[in-house]
C-alpha atoms as a PDB file:
ATOM      1  CA  UNK A   1     -31.440  -3.891 -29.414  1.00  0.00           C
ATOM      2  CA  UNK A   2     -28.073  -3.163 -31.028  1.00  0.00           C
ATOM      3  CA  UNK A   3     -27.433  -0.422 -28.453  1.00  0.00           C
ATOM      4  CA  UNK A   4     -28.168  -2.800 -25.554  1.00  0.00           C
ATOM      5  CA  UNK A   5     -25.847  -5.434 -27.068  1.00  0.00           C
ATOM      6  CA  UNK A   6     -23.089  -2.845 -27.514  1.00  0.00           C
ATOM      7  CA  UNK A   7     -23.396  -1.705 -23.896  1.00  0.00           C
ATOM      8  CA  UNK A   8     -23.265  -5.331 -22.743  1.00  0.00           C
ATOM      9  CA  UNK A   9     -20.105  -6.002 -24.776  1.00  0.00           C
ATOM     10  CA  UNK A  10     -18.434  -2.837 -23.464  1.00  0.00           C
ATOM     11  CA  UNK A  11     -19.251  -3.781 -19.858  1.00  0.00           C
ATOM     12  CA  UNK A  12     -18.000  -7.309 -20.444  1.00  0.00           C
ATOM     13  CA  UNK A  13     -14.785  -5.961 -21.913  1.00  0.00           C
ATOM     14  CA  UNK A  14     -14.282  -3.557 -18.999  1.00  0.00           C
ATOM     15  CA  UNK A  15     -14.891  -6.337 -16.501  1.00  0.00           C
ATOM     16  CA  UNK A  16     -12.349  -8.571 -18.247  1.00  0.00           C
ATOM     17  CA  UNK A  17      -9.782  -5.773 -18.261  1.00  0.00           C
ATOM     18  CA  UNK A  18     -10.458  -5.057 -14.567  1.00  0.00           C
ATOM     19  CA  UNK A  19      -9.787  -8.651 -13.532  1.00  0.00           C
ATOM     20  CA  UNK A  20      -6.035  -8.216 -13.441  1.00  0.00           C
ATOM     21  CA  UNK A  21      -3.220  -7.101 -11.191  1.00  0.00           C
ATOM     22  CA  UNK A  22      -1.751  -3.602 -11.312  1.00  0.00           C
ATOM     23  CA  UNK A  23       1.770  -4.951 -10.949  1.00  0.00           C
ATOM     24  CA  UNK A  24       4.320  -6.041  -8.355  1.00  0.00           C
ATOM     25  CA  UNK A  25       4.057  -3.988  -5.169  1.00  0.00           C
ATOM     26  CA  UNK A  26       6.887  -5.745  -3.300  1.00  0.00           C
ATOM     27  CA  UNK A  27       8.852  -8.989  -3.142  1.00  0.00           C
ATOM     28  CA  UNK A  28       8.742 -10.879   0.160  1.00  0.00           C
ATOM     29  CA  UNK A  29      11.571 -12.973   1.599  1.00  0.00           C
ATOM     30  CA  UNK A  30      11.314 -15.269   4.639  1.00  0.00           C
ATOM     31  CA  UNK A  31      14.348 -14.821   6.906  1.00  0.00           C
ATOM     32  CA  UNK A  32      15.708 -16.717   9.886  1.00  0.00           C
ATOM     33  CA  UNK A  33      16.838 -13.832  12.107  1.00  0.00           C
ATOM     34  CA  UNK A  34      15.439 -10.387  11.365  1.00  0.00           C
ATOM     35  CA  UNK A  35      18.127  -8.240  12.962  1.00  0.00           C
ATOM     36  CA  UNK A  36      20.868 -10.110  11.091  1.00  0.00           C
ATOM     37  CA  UNK A  37      19.019  -9.744   7.789  1.00  0.00           C
ATOM     38  CA  UNK A  38      18.282  -6.066   8.436  1.00  0.00           C
ATOM     39  CA  UNK A  39      21.965  -5.410   9.045  1.00  0.00           C
ATOM     40  CA  UNK A  40      22.756  -6.984   5.673  1.00  0.00           C
ATOM     41  CA  UNK A  41      20.064  -5.250   3.635  1.00  0.00           C
ATOM     42  CA  UNK A  42      20.566  -1.802   5.193  1.00  0.00           C
ATOM     43  CA  UNK A  43      24.358  -1.813   5.665  1.00  0.00           C
ATOM     44  CA  UNK A  44      25.877  -4.081   3.025  1.00  0.00           C
ATOM     45  CA  UNK A  45      23.058  -3.047   0.677  1.00  0.00           C
ATOM     46  CA  UNK A  46      21.499   0.442   0.985  1.00  0.00           C
ATOM     47  CA  UNK A  47      17.829  -0.435   1.533  1.00  0.00           C
ATOM     48  CA  UNK A  48      15.851   1.945   3.762  1.00  0.00           C
ATOM     49  CA  UNK A  49      13.292   0.818   6.342  1.00  0.00           C
ATOM     50  CA  UNK A  50       9.672   1.871   5.746  1.00  0.00           C
ATOM     51  CA  UNK A  51       7.889   0.019   8.546  1.00  0.00           C
ATOM     52  CA  UNK A  52       8.576  -2.664  11.144  1.00  0.00           C
ATOM     53  CA  UNK A  53       5.595  -4.518  12.577  1.00  0.00           C
ATOM     54  CA  UNK A  54       4.738  -7.700  14.480  1.00  0.00           C
ATOM     55  CA  UNK A  55       1.438  -9.453  13.765  1.00  0.00           C
ATOM     56  CA  UNK A  56      -0.546 -12.483  14.907  1.00  0.00           C
ATOM     57  CA  UNK A  57      -4.139 -13.630  15.095  1.00  0.00           C
ATOM     58  CA  UNK A  58      -6.746 -15.664  13.255  1.00  0.00           C
ATOM     59  CA  UNK A  59      -6.807 -13.344  10.226  1.00  0.00           C
ATOM     60  CA  UNK A  60      -3.113 -13.892   9.558  1.00  0.00           C
ATOM     61  CA  UNK A  61      -3.360 -17.647  10.101  1.00  0.00           C
ATOM     62  CA  UNK A  62      -6.122 -17.807   7.491  1.00  0.00           C
ATOM     63  CA  UNK A  63      -4.213 -15.470   5.189  1.00  0.00           C
ATOM     64  CA  UNK A  64      -1.015 -17.544   5.267  1.00  0.00           C
ATOM     65  CA  UNK A  65      -2.761 -20.903   5.545  1.00  0.00           C
ATOM     66  CA  UNK A  66      -0.692 -21.773   8.618  1.00  0.00           C
ATOM     67  CA  UNK A  67      -2.001 -22.153  12.184  1.00  0.00           C
ATOM     68  CA  UNK A  68      -0.403 -20.676  15.291  1.00  0.00           C
ATOM     69  CA  UNK A  69       1.908 -18.097  13.779  1.00  0.00           C
ATOM     70  CA  UNK A  70       3.317 -14.801  14.945  1.00  0.00           C
ATOM     71  CA  UNK A  71       5.726 -12.966  12.700  1.00  0.00           C
ATOM     72  CA  UNK A  72       7.690  -9.771  12.352  1.00  0.00           C
ATOM     73  CA  UNK A  73       7.471  -8.050   8.994  1.00  0.00           C
ATOM     74  CA  UNK A  74       9.788  -5.265   7.850  1.00  0.00           C
ATOM     75  CA  UNK A  75       9.316  -3.428   4.579  1.00  0.00           C
ATOM     76  CA  UNK A  76      12.364  -1.889   2.920  1.00  0.00           C
ATOM     77  CA  UNK A  77      12.835   0.402  -0.046  1.00  0.00           C
ATOM     78  CA  UNK A  78      15.558   0.810  -2.666  1.00  0.00           C
ATOM     79  CA  UNK A  79      14.837   3.521  -5.189  1.00  0.00           C
ATOM     80  CA  UNK A  80      11.174   3.193  -6.148  1.00  0.00           C
ATOM     81  CA  UNK A  81      10.942  -0.537  -5.370  1.00  0.00           C
ATOM     82  CA  UNK A  82      10.223  -2.413  -2.160  1.00  0.00           C
ATOM     83  CA  UNK A  83      10.880  -5.748  -0.478  1.00  0.00           C
ATOM     84  CA  UNK A  84       9.444  -7.307   2.691  1.00  0.00           C
ATOM     85  CA  UNK A  85      11.428  -9.413   5.141  1.00  0.00           C
ATOM     86  CA  UNK A  86       9.392 -11.789   7.317  1.00  0.00           C
ATOM     87  CA  UNK A  87      10.711 -13.517  10.444  1.00  0.00           C
ATOM     88  CA  UNK A  88       8.417 -16.174  11.921  1.00  0.00           C
ATOM     89  CA  UNK A  89       8.800 -15.908  15.682  1.00  0.00           C
ATOM     90  CA  UNK A  90       6.623 -18.856  16.735  1.00  0.00           C
ATOM     91  CA  UNK A  91       7.950 -21.472  14.371  1.00  0.00           C
ATOM     92  CA  UNK A  92      11.154 -21.683  12.424  1.00  0.00           C
ATOM     93  CA  UNK A  93      11.063 -23.443   9.108  1.00  0.00           C
ATOM     94  CA  UNK A  94      13.579 -25.400   7.081  1.00  0.00           C
ATOM     95  CA  UNK A  95      16.758 -23.863   5.708  1.00  0.00           C
ATOM     96  CA  UNK A  96      17.503 -23.549   1.994  1.00  0.00           C
ATOM     97  CA  UNK A  97      19.210 -26.766   0.778  1.00  0.00           C
ATOM     98  CA  UNK A  98      22.962 -26.210   0.618  1.00  0.00           C
ATOM     99  CA  UNK A  99      23.114 -27.696  -2.878  1.00  0.00           C
ATOM    100  CA  UNK A 100      20.355 -25.412  -4.197  1.00  0.00           C
ATOM    101  CA  UNK A 101      20.925 -24.264  -7.791  1.00  0.00           C
ATOM    102  CA  UNK A 102      19.172 -21.757 -10.017  1.00  0.00           C
ATOM    103  CA  UNK A 103      17.672 -24.531 -12.158  1.00  0.00           C
ATOM    104  CA  UNK A 104      15.745 -25.852  -9.130  1.00  0.00           C
ATOM    105  CA  UNK A 105      12.121 -24.766  -9.438  1.00  0.00           C
ATOM    106  CA  UNK A 106      12.029 -23.149  -5.994  1.00  0.00           C
ATOM    107  CA  UNK A 107      14.647 -20.667  -7.219  1.00  0.00           C
ATOM    108  CA  UNK A 108      13.766 -16.985  -6.966  1.00  0.00           C
ATOM    109  CA  UNK A 109      15.822 -13.827  -6.759  1.00  0.00           C
ATOM    110  CA  UNK A 110      15.614 -10.062  -7.040  1.00  0.00           C
ATOM    111  CA  UNK A 111      17.735  -8.219  -9.596  1.00  0.00           C
ATOM    112  CA  UNK A 112      19.255  -5.060  -8.122  1.00  0.00           C
ATOM    113  CA  UNK A 113      20.233  -2.506 -10.752  1.00  0.00           C
ATOM    114  CA  UNK A 114      23.630  -0.845 -10.386  1.00  0.00           C
ATOM    115  CA  UNK A 115      25.119   2.153 -12.178  1.00  0.00           C
ATOM    116  CA  UNK A 116      28.624   0.682 -12.199  1.00  0.00           C
ATOM    117  CA  UNK A 117      29.286  -3.049 -11.860  1.00  0.00           C
ATOM    118  CA  UNK A 118      32.942  -2.723 -10.871  1.00  0.00           C
ATOM    119  CA  UNK A 119      32.115  -0.344  -8.015  1.00  0.00           C
ATOM    120  CA  UNK A 120      29.164  -2.439  -6.830  1.00  0.00           C
ATOM    121  CA  UNK A 121      31.184  -5.659  -6.881  1.00  0.00           C
ATOM    122  CA  UNK A 122      34.099  -4.007  -5.041  1.00  0.00           C
ATOM    123  CA  UNK A 123      31.645  -2.833  -2.378  1.00  0.00           C
ATOM    124  CA  UNK A 124      30.306  -6.356  -1.853  1.00  0.00           C
ATOM    125  CA  UNK A 125      33.824  -7.786  -1.644  1.00  0.00           C
ATOM    126  CA  UNK A 126      34.502  -5.547   1.375  1.00  0.00           C
ATOM    127  CA  UNK A 127      31.810  -7.529   3.224  1.00  0.00           C
ATOM    128  CA  UNK A 128      32.930 -10.960   2.002  1.00  0.00           C
ATOM    129  CA  UNK A 129      29.563 -11.819   0.496  1.00  0.00           C
ATOM    130  CA  UNK A 130      29.068 -15.401  -0.610  1.00  0.00           C
ATOM    131  CA  UNK A 131      29.464 -15.721  -4.387  1.00  0.00           C
ATOM    132  CA  UNK A 132      27.183 -17.743  -6.615  1.00  0.00           C
ATOM    133  CA  UNK A 133      28.725 -16.440  -9.847  1.00  0.00           C
ATOM    134  CA  UNK A 134      32.487 -16.894 -10.105  1.00  0.00           C
ATOM    135  CA  UNK A 135      32.698 -13.152 -10.919  1.00  0.00           C
ATOM    136  CA  UNK A 136      30.581 -10.496 -12.665  1.00  0.00           C
ATOM    137  CA  UNK A 137      29.816 -11.613 -16.212  1.00  0.00           C
ATOM    138  CA  UNK A 138      29.310  -9.541 -19.367  1.00  0.00           C
ATOM    139  CA  UNK A 139      26.885 -11.264 -21.708  1.00  0.00           C
ATOM    140  CA  UNK A 140      28.237 -11.576 -25.270  1.00  0.00           C
ATOM    141  CA  UNK A 141      26.960 -10.474 -28.690  1.00  0.00           C
ATOM    142  CA  UNK A 142      25.850 -14.060 -29.351  1.00  0.00           C
ATOM    143  CA  UNK A 143      22.900 -13.264 -27.041  1.00  0.00           C
ATOM    144  CA  UNK A 144      21.506 -10.215 -28.917  1.00  0.00           C
ATOM    145  CA  UNK A 145      18.701  -9.363 -26.474  1.00  0.00           C
ATOM    146  CA  UNK A 146      21.146  -9.247 -23.546  1.00  0.00           C
ATOM    147  CA  UNK A 147      24.434  -8.299 -25.214  1.00  0.00           C
ATOM    148  CA  UNK A 148      26.502  -6.039 -22.988  1.00  0.00           C
ATOM    149  CA  UNK A 149      24.410  -6.661 -19.874  1.00  0.00           C
ATOM    150  CA  UNK A 150      26.607  -7.267 -16.822  1.00  0.00           C
ATOM    151  CA  UNK A 151      25.371  -9.456 -13.981  1.00  0.00           C
ATOM    152  CA  UNK A 152      26.522 -11.131 -10.781  1.00  0.00           C
ATOM    153  CA  UNK A 153      24.764 -13.580  -8.421  1.00  0.00           C
ATOM    154  CA  UNK A 154      25.469 -13.675  -4.680  1.00  0.00           C
ATOM    155  CA  UNK A 155      23.720 -14.717  -1.447  1.00  0.00           C
ATOM    156  CA  UNK A 156      22.283 -12.992   1.611  1.00  0.00           C
ATOM    157  CA  UNK A 157      22.971 -14.370   5.147  1.00  0.00           C
ATOM    158  CA  UNK A 158      20.224 -17.025   4.813  1.00  0.00           C
ATOM    159  CA  UNK A 159      21.349 -18.231   1.393  1.00  0.00           C
ATOM    160  CA  UNK A 160      18.782 -16.377  -0.732  1.00  0.00           C
ATOM    161  CA  UNK A 161      20.015 -15.581  -4.221  1.00  0.00           C
ATOM    162  CA  UNK A 162      20.369 -11.921  -5.187  1.00  0.00           C
ATOM    163  CA  UNK A 163      21.576 -10.430  -8.447  1.00  0.00           C
ATOM    164  CA  UNK A 164      23.400  -7.275  -9.411  1.00  0.00           C
ATOM    165  CA  UNK A 165      22.581  -6.178 -12.951  1.00  0.00           C
ATOM    166  CA  UNK A 166      23.963  -3.383 -15.126  1.00  0.00           C
ATOM    167  CA  UNK A 167      22.244  -2.313 -18.337  1.00  0.00           C
ATOM    168  CA  UNK A 168      24.282  -0.779 -21.176  1.00  0.00           C
ATOM    169  CA  UNK A 169      22.879   1.951 -23.421  1.00  0.00           C
ATOM    170  CA  UNK A 170      19.745   0.806 -25.219  1.00  0.00           C
ATOM    171  CA  UNK A 171      18.986  -2.017 -22.778  1.00  0.00           C
ATOM    172  CA  UNK A 172      16.615  -2.101 -19.809  1.00  0.00           C
ATOM    173  CA  UNK A 173      14.173   0.482 -18.492  1.00  0.00           C
ATOM    174  CA  UNK A 174      15.292   4.033 -19.474  1.00  0.00           C
ATOM    175  CA  UNK A 175      14.849   5.103 -15.845  1.00  0.00           C
ATOM    176  CA  UNK A 176      18.020   3.211 -14.936  1.00  0.00           C
ATOM    177  CA  UNK A 177      20.001   5.751 -17.000  1.00  0.00           C
ATOM    178  CA  UNK A 178      18.863   8.776 -14.982  1.00  0.00           C
ATOM    179  CA  UNK A 179      21.926  10.693 -13.844  1.00  0.00           C
ATOM    180  CA  UNK A 180      22.699  10.404 -10.099  1.00  0.00           C
ATOM    181  CA  UNK A 181      25.634   9.539  -7.854  1.00  0.00           C
ATOM    182  CA  UNK A 182      24.185   6.281  -6.483  1.00  0.00           C
ATOM    183  CA  UNK A 183      25.647   2.845  -7.207  1.00  0.00           C
ATOM    184  CA  UNK A 184      22.587   0.790  -6.199  1.00  0.00           C
ATOM    185  CA  UNK A 185      19.498   2.121  -7.979  1.00  0.00           C
ATOM    186  CA  UNK A 186      16.492  -0.157  -7.440  1.00  0.00           C
ATOM    187  CA  UNK A 187      14.963  -3.512  -8.372  1.00  0.00           C
ATOM    188  CA  UNK A 188      14.390  -4.318 -12.019  1.00  0.00           C
ATOM    189  CA  UNK A 189      12.630  -7.676 -11.581  1.00  0.00           C
ATOM    190  CA  UNK A 190      12.203 -10.822  -9.584  1.00  0.00           C
ATOM    191  CA  UNK A 191      13.192 -14.003 -11.454  1.00  0.00           C
ATOM    192  CA  UNK A 192      11.571 -17.394 -10.879  1.00  0.00           C
ATOM    193  CA  UNK A 193      12.532 -20.889 -11.954  1.00  0.00           C
ATOM    194  CA  UNK A 194       9.816 -22.424 -14.128  1.00  0.00           C
ATOM    195  CA  UNK A 195       9.265 -25.762 -15.848  1.00  0.00           C
ATOM    196  CA  UNK A 196       7.469 -24.553 -18.992  1.00  0.00           C
ATOM    197  CA  UNK A 197       7.175 -21.032 -20.435  1.00  0.00           C
ATOM    198  CA  UNK A 198       3.781 -21.669 -22.037  1.00  0.00           C
ATOM    199  CA  UNK A 199       2.320 -22.895 -18.743  1.00  0.00           C
ATOM    200  CA  UNK A 200       3.637 -19.908 -16.791  1.00  0.00           C
ATOM    201  CA  UNK A 201       2.481 -17.483 -19.502  1.00  0.00           C
ATOM    202  CA  UNK A 202      -1.022 -18.917 -19.233  1.00  0.00           C
ATOM    203  CA  UNK A 203      -1.005 -18.106 -15.508  1.00  0.00           C
ATOM    204  CA  UNK A 204       0.810 -14.749 -15.364  1.00  0.00           C
ATOM    205  CA  UNK A 205      -0.336 -13.271 -18.692  1.00  0.00           C
ATOM    206  CA  UNK A 206      -3.817 -14.703 -19.246  1.00  0.00           C
ATOM    207  CA  UNK A 207      -5.044 -14.962 -15.640  1.00  0.00           C
ATOM    208  CA  UNK A 208      -3.175 -12.111 -13.933  1.00  0.00           C
ATOM    209  CA  UNK A 209      -2.885  -9.767 -16.921  1.00  0.00           C
ATOM    210  CA  UNK A 210       0.883  -9.153 -17.013  1.00  0.00           C
ATOM    211  CA  UNK A 211       2.281  -8.240 -20.432  1.00  0.00           C
ATOM    212  CA  UNK A 212       5.277  -9.926 -22.052  1.00  0.00           C
ATOM    213  CA  UNK A 213       8.103  -7.382 -22.098  1.00  0.00           C
ATOM    214  CA  UNK A 214      10.703  -9.375 -24.032  1.00  0.00           C
ATOM    215  CA  UNK A 215      12.540 -12.658 -24.246  1.00  0.00           C
ATOM    216  CA  UNK A 216      16.060 -13.974 -24.628  1.00  0.00           C
ATOM    217  CA  UNK A 217      17.777 -17.313 -25.161  1.00  0.00           C
ATOM    218  CA  UNK A 218      20.882 -17.301 -22.986  1.00  0.00           C
ATOM    219  CA  UNK A 219      23.708 -19.813 -23.204  1.00  0.00           C
ATOM    220  CA  UNK A 220      27.488 -20.045 -23.282  1.00  0.00           C
ATOM    221  CA  UNK A 221      30.418 -19.785 -20.907  1.00  0.00           C
ATOM    222  CA  UNK A 222      29.361 -16.430 -19.415  1.00  0.00           C
ATOM    223  CA  UNK A 223      25.875 -17.699 -18.622  1.00  0.00           C
ATOM    224  CA  UNK A 224      27.277 -20.865 -17.065  1.00  0.00           C
ATOM    225  CA  UNK A 225      29.545 -18.838 -14.785  1.00  0.00           C
ATOM    226  CA  UNK A 226      26.793 -16.350 -13.964  1.00  0.00           C
ATOM    227  CA  UNK A 227      24.357 -19.046 -12.779  1.00  0.00           C
ATOM    228  CA  UNK A 228      27.108 -21.444 -11.677  1.00  0.00           C
ATOM    229  CA  UNK A 229      25.330 -24.217 -13.594  1.00  0.00           C
ATOM    230  CA  UNK A 230      27.461 -26.154 -16.086  1.00  0.00           C
ATOM    231  CA  UNK A 231      25.795 -26.363 -19.503  1.00  0.00           C
ATOM    232  CA  UNK A 232      23.221 -23.679 -18.636  1.00  0.00           C
ATOM    233  CA  UNK A 233      20.943 -22.794 -21.542  1.00  0.00           C
ATOM    234  CA  UNK A 234      17.859 -20.765 -20.666  1.00  0.00           C
ATOM    235  CA  UNK A 235      14.725 -19.375 -22.251  1.00  0.00           C
ATOM    236  CA  UNK A 236      14.169 -16.105 -20.360  1.00  0.00           C
ATOM    237  CA  UNK A 237      10.891 -14.175 -20.614  1.00  0.00           C
ATOM    238  CA  UNK A 238      10.306 -10.778 -19.038  1.00  0.00           C
ATOM    239  CA  UNK A 239       6.796  -9.827 -17.906  1.00  0.00           C
ATOM    240  CA  UNK A 240       5.536  -6.492 -16.629  1.00  0.00           C
ATOM    241  CA  UNK A 241       2.483  -4.939 -15.045  1.00  0.00           C
ATOM    242  CA  UNK A 242       1.490  -1.281 -15.157  1.00  0.00           C
ATOM    243  CA  UNK A 243       3.704  -0.587 -12.136  1.00  0.00           C
ATOM    244  CA  UNK A 244       6.526  -2.077 -10.117  1.00  0.00           C
ATOM    245  CA  UNK A 245       9.311  -4.546 -10.956  1.00  0.00           C
ATOM    246  CA  UNK A 246       8.895  -7.209 -13.610  1.00  0.00           C
ATOM    247  CA  UNK A 247       8.537 -10.973 -13.225  1.00  0.00           C
ATOM    248  CA  UNK A 248      11.122 -12.930 -15.201  1.00  0.00           C
ATOM    249  CA  UNK A 249      10.659 -16.583 -16.194  1.00  0.00           C
ATOM    250  CA  UNK A 250      13.792 -18.752 -16.157  1.00  0.00           C
ATOM    251  CA  UNK A 251      13.135 -21.958 -18.089  1.00  0.00           C
ATOM    252  CA  UNK A 252      16.214 -24.157 -18.247  1.00  0.00           C
ATOM    253  CA  UNK A 253      16.423 -25.901 -21.588  1.00  0.00           C
ATOM    254  CA  UNK A 254      19.555 -27.622 -20.234  1.00  0.00           C
ATOM    255  CA  UNK A 255      20.364 -29.086 -17.816  1.00  0.00           C
ATOM    256  CA  UNK A 256      16.934 -30.560 -17.058  1.00  0.00           C
ATOM    257  CA  UNK A 257      18.048 -31.761 -13.633  1.00  0.00           C
ATOM    258  CA  UNK A 258      16.354 -29.068 -11.542  1.00  0.00           C
ATOM    259  CA  UNK A 259      14.233 -30.275  -8.651  1.00  0.00           C
ATOM    260  CA  UNK A 260      10.539 -29.475  -8.221  1.00  0.00           C
ATOM    261  CA  UNK A 261       9.176 -27.125  -5.575  1.00  0.00           C
ATOM    262  CA  UNK A 262       8.622 -29.247  -2.403  1.00  0.00           C
ATOM    263  CA  UNK A 263       4.894 -29.764  -1.849  1.00  0.00           C
ATOM    264  CA  UNK A 264       5.244 -29.538   1.936  1.00  0.00           C
ATOM    265  CA  UNK A 265       6.861 -26.085   1.893  1.00  0.00           C
ATOM    266  CA  UNK A 266       5.448 -23.710   4.525  1.00  0.00           C
ATOM    267  CA  UNK A 267       5.560 -19.898   4.701  1.00  0.00           C
ATOM    268  CA  UNK A 268       8.181 -20.105   7.463  1.00  0.00           C
ATOM    269  CA  UNK A 269      10.599 -22.147   5.312  1.00  0.00           C
ATOM    270  CA  UNK A 270      13.471 -20.068   3.955  1.00  0.00           C
ATOM    271  CA  UNK A 271      12.844 -21.062   0.335  1.00  0.00           C
ATOM    272  CA  UNK A 272       9.458 -19.324   0.653  1.00  0.00           C
ATOM    273  CA  UNK A 273       9.339 -16.087  -1.320  1.00  0.00           C
ATOM    274  CA  UNK A 274       6.230 -13.989  -1.928  1.00  0.00           C
ATOM    275  CA  UNK A 275       5.646 -11.834  -4.987  1.00  0.00           C
ATOM    276  CA  UNK A 276       3.086  -9.285  -3.784  1.00  0.00           C
ATOM    277  CA  UNK A 277       0.667  -7.845  -6.340  1.00  0.00           C
ATOM    278  CA  UNK A 278      -2.081  -5.245  -5.981  1.00  0.00           C
ATOM    279  CA  UNK A 279      -5.370  -5.082  -7.839  1.00  0.00           C
ATOM    280  CA  UNK A 280      -8.390  -2.796  -8.039  1.00  0.00           C
ATOM    281  CA  UNK A 281     -10.721  -5.769  -8.598  1.00  0.00           C
ATOM    282  CA  UNK A 282      -9.898  -8.233  -5.826  1.00  0.00           C
ATOM    283  CA  UNK A 283     -13.266 -10.002  -5.655  1.00  0.00           C
ATOM    284  CA  UNK A 284     -13.549 -10.761  -9.351  1.00  0.00           C
ATOM    285  CA  UNK A 285      -9.896 -11.765  -9.624  1.00  0.00           C
ATOM    286  CA  UNK A 286     -10.393 -14.159  -6.692  1.00  0.00           C
ATOM    287  CA  UNK A 287     -13.376 -15.736  -8.497  1.00  0.00           C
ATOM    288  CA  UNK A 288     -11.434 -15.920 -11.755  1.00  0.00           C
ATOM    289  CA  UNK A 289      -8.525 -17.771 -10.123  1.00  0.00           C
ATOM    290  CA  UNK A 290     -10.899 -20.084  -8.242  1.00  0.00           C
ATOM    291  CA  UNK A 291     -12.701 -21.014 -11.452  1.00  0.00           C
ATOM    292  CA  UNK A 292      -9.362 -21.874 -13.061  1.00  0.00           C
ATOM    293  CA  UNK A 293      -8.414 -24.318 -10.269  1.00  0.00           C
ATOM    294  CA  UNK A 294      -5.476 -22.256  -8.992  1.00  0.00           C
ATOM    295  CA  UNK A 295      -4.047 -23.552  -5.712  1.00  0.00           C
ATOM    296  CA  UNK A 296      -4.917 -21.256  -2.784  1.00  0.00           C
ATOM    297  CA  UNK A 297      -3.045 -20.909   0.515  1.00  0.00           C
ATOM    298  CA  UNK A 298      -5.647 -18.542   1.990  1.00  0.00           C
ATOM    299  CA  UNK A 299      -9.027 -19.911   3.027  1.00  0.00           C
ATOM    300  CA  UNK A 300     -10.810 -16.973   1.346  1.00  0.00           C
ATOM    301  CA  UNK A 301     -10.342 -13.233   0.813  1.00  0.00           C
ATOM    302  CA  UNK A 302      -9.056 -12.112   4.214  1.00  0.00           C
ATOM    303  CA  UNK A 303      -9.764  -8.693   5.724  1.00  0.00           C
ATOM    304  CA  UNK A 304      -6.721  -7.266   7.513  1.00  0.00           C
ATOM    305  CA  UNK A 305      -7.134  -5.201  10.717  1.00  0.00           C
ATOM    306  CA  UNK A 306      -6.957  -1.449  10.084  1.00  0.00           C
ATOM    307  CA  UNK A 307      -3.820  -0.828  12.102  1.00  0.00           C
ATOM    308  CA  UNK A 308      -1.862  -3.698  10.547  1.00  0.00           C
ATOM    309  CA  UNK A 309       0.204  -3.773   7.359  1.00  0.00           C
ATOM    310  CA  UNK A 310      -0.387  -1.750   4.204  1.00  0.00           C
ATOM    311  CA  UNK A 311      -3.255  -3.696   2.690  1.00  0.00           C
ATOM    312  CA  UNK A 312      -6.985  -3.784   3.309  1.00  0.00           C
ATOM    313  CA  UNK A 313      -7.805  -7.304   2.040  1.00  0.00           C
ATOM    314  CA  UNK A 314      -6.033 -10.072   0.196  1.00  0.00           C
ATOM    315  CA  UNK A 315      -5.190 -13.710  -0.365  1.00  0.00           C
ATOM    316  CA  UNK A 316      -2.306 -15.997  -1.301  1.00  0.00           C
ATOM    317  CA  UNK A 317      -2.026 -18.499  -4.174  1.00  0.00           C
ATOM    318  CA  UNK A 318       0.636 -20.660  -5.818  1.00  0.00           C
ATOM    319  CA  UNK A 319       1.620 -20.474  -9.471  1.00  0.00           C
ATOM    320  CA  UNK A 320       1.901 -23.680 -11.571  1.00  0.00           C
ATOM    321  CA  UNK A 321       5.430 -24.394 -10.254  1.00  0.00           C
ATOM    322  CA  UNK A 322       4.697 -23.636  -6.588  1.00  0.00           C
ATOM    323  CA  UNK A 323       5.889 -20.025  -6.254  1.00  0.00           C
ATOM    324  CA  UNK A 324       3.733 -18.016  -3.852  1.00  0.00           C
ATOM    325  CA  UNK A 325       1.895 -14.845  -4.842  1.00  0.00           C
ATOM    326  CA  UNK A 326       0.006 -12.477  -2.578  1.00  0.00           C
ATOM    327  CA  UNK A 327      -2.763 -10.469  -4.235  1.00  0.00           C
ATOM    328  CA  UNK A 328      -3.981  -7.485  -2.247  1.00  0.00           C
ATOM    329  CA  UNK A 329      -6.201  -4.439  -2.217  1.00  0.00           C
ATOM    330  CA  UNK A 330      -4.496  -1.270  -0.988  1.00  0.00           C
ATOM    331  CA  UNK A 331      -5.977   0.747   1.853  1.00  0.00           C
END
C-alpha cells in the first residue's frame, strides 16, 4: 500500500513539474510594413533572417482569434535569441498612441545586450533613431541590484520601444561577457508593464513555471531619464525559464497614471506583442490554464499545417494585464 501511494505521489509530482513552459522561444512584434521593418532590424540592427513565410486559413484564424486574416511572418535572430515580425496583409490595425509611455500597461520591449554602450549608441545616431531616453543612462550605486548597468530606450519605425543594455562585471548572464568583436550580442529579456507584481507572479511563476531570477527597486534621476517618465519609481522582477530570454515585470510604484491595456486590441494592432513559449506538455498546460480562468484568444489547441511555421500545435492567451502569450509544441 505504501509503495502504491509513493508511486502515485511521484507521478503526481512529475505531472505537476511537466505542466510548465520550457522558456521564451521568441518575442513577436506586429509591424505595419514588413519591408520597412526588415530594413531597420537587419541594417540599423544586425538581426539575421531565419525564415519568411505568408500564411492564411481557418487554422490561423482560430489560432489568433481573428477572422479573415492573411499575414506575413518573418523570424529573425540575434545571437542565440529570436524575434518574429508579423505584417497583417488583409487588415491593418491601429497605430501605437503617440503619447504612449512605459508606465502604460500595454508597454513591452526587448532588451538588446551590447558589449559597449558608447559604440552602440553612436551607431544608432548615424541612423537618426527616435530617442525615448534623453541619452544612455548609467544606473547609480543607490540601486544596488542594477548599479553600473547602462541602458538606453529608443523606437523602431512603428514606435515600438527597444532597449540597449550593457552589463558591468558581476551583473547579468555570464554569457554576455564572452569575448568577441560584436557590439550587439543578443536579447536578455522582454519587459512588460504590469499593475501588480504578486498578480503577475501568480500567473508566470505558479501557472507557467518560470523562476524568479532577481528583483530591483529603481528610482532617481537616471531612471526618470531612461524611461522618460518624471518621478519614475519601479519594482522590477526578472523571471526565467530553462531556456531563452527572461520576462521582466515593470511595476510602477509612481507615477500611477499608466493606462490599462485596451480590451478591444486585436492581433493586427501595433501595440500587440507576443511572447512565444514552448512546452513539452501542451495538453495538460492548456487544461491547467483553462481551469484557472485564463483568458484565451485561441478557440482550442490548434494544429498547424506541416509546411507552415516552426510549431506543431499551440494556442494564445492573455496574462492578467492583457499581454499576449503564445504557447506552442515544437515540431
